[in-house]
Amino acid sequence: YLFFILPAIGVASSDVLCDKWMLVTGNPLNVTDRLQSAQWFSISIAGIIIMVVGGYIAQYMSLRHAVLLSLPFALLIIPLTIFSWKEDRVISVGRAAKEAKEGLRHAVKSKKLWGCAAFLFLFNAMPQLGSPVLYVYETNVLNFSQVMIGYLDMTANVGFLIGVALYG
């Protein structure tokens, strides 16, 4: 189980580190949206590569070997996350907690935040976007190979790439 958890920690850590960097660097320069666009562009390119390569890995490698192959990449990001960013000193923990509480209260009242949350919920709840039922249908009924499924999944990242390019 550890070999499944560590890559997830690595991916989550890298995302948090990128988001923090975008806010700290982007807010003063008013370019956070462009930095986010660059991040999603990179994620989309990586997704295209991973979906194609992942299809071949799923087709020709065992699950154990596939996890072991991905583990070093994910493990590299954990020390980078821990050691690459120094936090600013907090003068008062009570004051920081009060500011965080006020920020959460403000966020809960935000219509934009609730709109984004609803969109993300509906986007991720749609059955045709990567559900296990679709995967079973593709493999058992349509007899698609893992390589073919990798190419099909890649098309979503191409869509993200086009969207990011249009936005950015």
Protein backbone atom coordinates (compact mmCIF):
# COMPACT_ATOMS: atom_id res chain seq x y z
CA TYR A 1 0.00 0.00 0.00
CA LEU A 2 2.91 2.29 0.68
CA PHE A 3 3.91 2.18 -3.00
CA PHE A 4 0.46 3.51 -3.91
CA ILE A 5 0.36 6.19 -1.21
CA LEU A 6 3.81 7.73 -1.78
CA PRO A 7 3.20 8.71 -5.43
CA ALA A 8 -0.10 10.30 -4.41
CA ILE A 9 1.71 12.30 -1.70
CA GLY A 10 4.31 13.37 -4.26
CA VAL A 11 1.72 14.57 -6.75
CA ALA A 12 -0.29 16.40 -4.08
CA SER A 13 2.87 18.01 -2.70
CA SER A 14 3.98 19.27 -6.08
CA ASP A 15 0.56 20.77 -6.76
CA VAL A 16 0.50 22.57 -3.41
CA LEU A 17 4.02 23.88 -3.96
CA CYS A 18 3.12 25.18 -7.44
CA ASP A 19 -0.05 26.82 -6.16
CA LYS A 20 1.81 28.55 -3.34
CA TRP A 21 4.52 29.74 -5.70
CA MET A 22 1.88 31.11 -8.07
CA LEU A 23 0.19 33.07 -5.30
CA VAL A 24 3.35 34.39 -3.65
CA THR A 25 4.99 35.34 -6.95
CA GLY A 26 1.92 36.09 -9.04
CA ASN A 27 -0.14 38.28 -6.71
CA PRO A 28 2.37 41.14 -6.41
CA LEU A 29 2.92 41.12 -10.18
CA ASN A 30 -0.78 40.54 -10.99
CA VAL A 31 0.06 37.50 -13.15
CA THR A 32 -1.41 34.65 -11.10
CA ASP A 33 -3.82 33.75 -13.91
CA ARG A 34 -0.95 33.49 -16.41
CA LEU A 35 1.07 31.35 -14.04
CA GLN A 36 -1.94 29.09 -13.51
CA SER A 37 -2.33 28.88 -17.26
CA ALA A 38 1.32 27.86 -17.60
CA GLN A 39 0.84 25.20 -14.91
CA TRP A 40 -2.21 23.73 -16.64
CA PHE A 41 -0.40 23.87 -19.99
CA SER A 42 2.42 21.82 -18.47
CA ILE A 43 -0.03 19.43 -16.82
CA SER A 44 -1.81 18.95 -20.14
CA ILE A 45 1.42 18.22 -22.02
CA ALA A 46 2.46 15.79 -19.29
CA GLY A 47 -1.01 14.22 -19.39
CA ILE A 48 -0.75 13.64 -23.13
CA ILE A 49 2.60 11.93 -22.72
CA ILE A 50 1.53 9.94 -19.67
CA MET A 51 -1.72 8.71 -21.23
CA VAL A 52 0.09 7.35 -24.26
CA VAL A 53 3.00 5.87 -22.30
CA GLY A 54 0.60 4.70 -19.58
CA GLY A 55 -1.40 2.74 -22.11
CA TYR A 56 1.72 0.83 -23.13
CA ILE A 57 2.74 0.33 -19.51
CA ALA A 58 -0.73 -0.98 -18.62
CA GLN A 59 -0.69 -3.29 -21.62
CA TYR A 60 2.79 -4.74 -21.22
CA MET A 61 3.84 -4.36 -17.54
CA SER A 62 2.54 -5.78 -14.32
CA LEU A 63 0.92 -3.41 -11.84
CA ARG A 64 3.80 -3.93 -9.42
CA HIS A 65 6.39 -2.94 -12.02
CA ALA A 66 4.33 0.04 -13.16
CA VAL A 67 4.08 1.36 -9.61
CA LEU A 68 7.79 0.80 -9.01
CA LEU A 69 8.55 2.65 -12.26
CA SER A 70 6.54 5.70 -11.19
CA LEU A 71 7.68 5.74 -7.56
CA PRO A 72 11.10 7.47 -8.01
CA PHE A 73 9.54 10.41 -9.85
CA ALA A 74 6.96 10.95 -7.14
CA LEU A 75 9.51 10.49 -4.35
CA LEU A 76 11.74 13.19 -5.85
CA ILE A 77 9.09 15.85 -5.32
CA ILE A 78 8.57 15.16 -1.60
CA PRO A 79 12.01 16.44 -0.46
CA LEU A 80 11.75 19.32 -2.93
CA THR A 81 8.47 20.30 -1.34
CA ILE A 82 9.79 20.01 2.20
CA PHE A 83 13.14 21.75 1.68
CA SER A 84 12.61 24.18 -1.19
CA TRP A 85 10.19 26.62 0.38
CA LYS A 86 10.80 28.48 3.58
CA GLU A 87 7.71 29.73 5.38
CA ASP A 88 7.57 33.28 6.64
CA ARG A 89 7.64 33.53 10.40
CA VAL A 90 4.28 34.03 12.02
CA ILE A 91 4.40 36.80 14.59
CA SER A 92 1.31 35.65 16.42
CA VAL A 93 -0.29 32.24 16.07
CA GLY A 94 -3.55 33.62 17.47
CA ARG A 95 -3.59 36.45 14.94
CA ALA A 96 -2.82 34.03 12.07
CA ALA A 97 -5.63 31.72 13.24
CA LYS A 98 -8.03 34.67 13.43
CA GLU A 99 -7.09 35.76 9.89
CA ALA A 100 -7.53 32.20 8.62
CA LYS A 101 -10.93 31.93 10.29
CA GLU A 102 -12.01 35.25 8.77
CA GLY A 103 -10.76 34.12 5.35
CA LEU A 104 -12.76 30.89 5.59
CA ARG A 105 -15.87 32.83 6.64
CA HIS A 106 -15.42 35.12 3.63
CA ALA A 107 -14.85 32.14 1.31
CA VAL A 108 -18.01 30.36 2.44
CA LYS A 109 -20.03 33.46 1.49
CA SER A 110 -18.41 33.72 -1.96
CA LYS A 111 -20.80 32.99 -4.83
CA LYS A 112 -17.84 32.54 -7.18
CA LEU A 113 -16.36 29.85 -4.94
CA TRP A 114 -19.67 27.98 -4.73
CA GLY A 115 -20.03 28.25 -8.51
CA CYS A 116 -16.56 26.79 -9.04
CA ALA A 117 -17.28 24.04 -6.50
CA ALA A 118 -20.54 23.14 -8.27
CA PHE A 119 -18.81 23.08 -11.66
CA LEU A 120 -16.01 20.84 -10.39
CA PHE A 121 -18.49 18.53 -8.70
CA LEU A 122 -20.59 18.16 -11.84
CA PHE A 123 -17.52 17.85 -14.06
CA ASN A 124 -16.09 15.03 -11.93
CA ALA A 125 -19.46 13.34 -11.42
CA MET A 126 -20.18 12.93 -15.13
CA PRO A 127 -20.09 9.21 -15.92
CA GLN A 128 -18.55 9.55 -19.35
CA LEU A 129 -15.40 11.20 -18.03
CA GLY A 130 -13.22 8.31 -16.91
CA SER A 131 -15.63 6.27 -14.86
CA PRO A 132 -14.94 2.64 -14.02
CA VAL A 133 -18.11 1.70 -15.92
CA LEU A 134 -16.68 3.24 -19.09
CA TYR A 135 -13.38 1.44 -18.55
CA VAL A 136 -15.13 -1.92 -18.12
CA TYR A 137 -17.23 -1.21 -21.23
CA GLU A 138 -14.12 -0.28 -23.24
CA THR A 139 -12.23 -3.40 -22.19
CA ASN A 140 -14.96 -6.05 -22.00
CA VAL A 141 -17.49 -5.00 -24.64
CA LEU A 142 -15.44 -3.00 -27.13
CA ASN A 143 -12.29 -5.09 -26.55
CA PHE A 144 -10.04 -2.02 -26.58
CA SER A 145 -6.43 -2.61 -25.64
CA GLN A 146 -4.82 -0.62 -22.83
CA VAL A 147 -2.82 1.24 -25.48
CA MET A 148 -6.02 2.31 -27.24
CA ILE A 149 -7.57 3.41 -23.95
CA GLY A 150 -4.42 5.45 -23.29
CA TYR A 151 -4.86 7.23 -26.62
CA LEU A 152 -8.53 7.89 -25.88
CA ASP A 153 -7.75 9.30 -22.44
CA MET A 154 -5.08 11.48 -24.03
CA THR A 155 -7.75 13.37 -25.97
CA ALA A 156 -9.04 14.94 -22.74
CA ASN A 157 -5.60 16.42 -22.13
CA VAL A 158 -5.50 17.73 -25.69
CA GLY A 159 -8.78 19.50 -24.89
CA PHE A 160 -7.29 20.94 -21.71
CA LEU A 161 -4.26 22.07 -23.71
CA ILE A 162 -6.41 23.88 -26.25
CA GLY A 163 -8.46 25.50 -23.48
CA VAL A 164 -5.36 26.67 -21.65
CA ALA A 165 -3.82 28.01 -24.84
CA LEU A 166 -6.99 29.97 -25.61
CA TYR A 167 -7.16 31.32 -22.07
CA GLY A 168 -3.45 32.04 -21.61
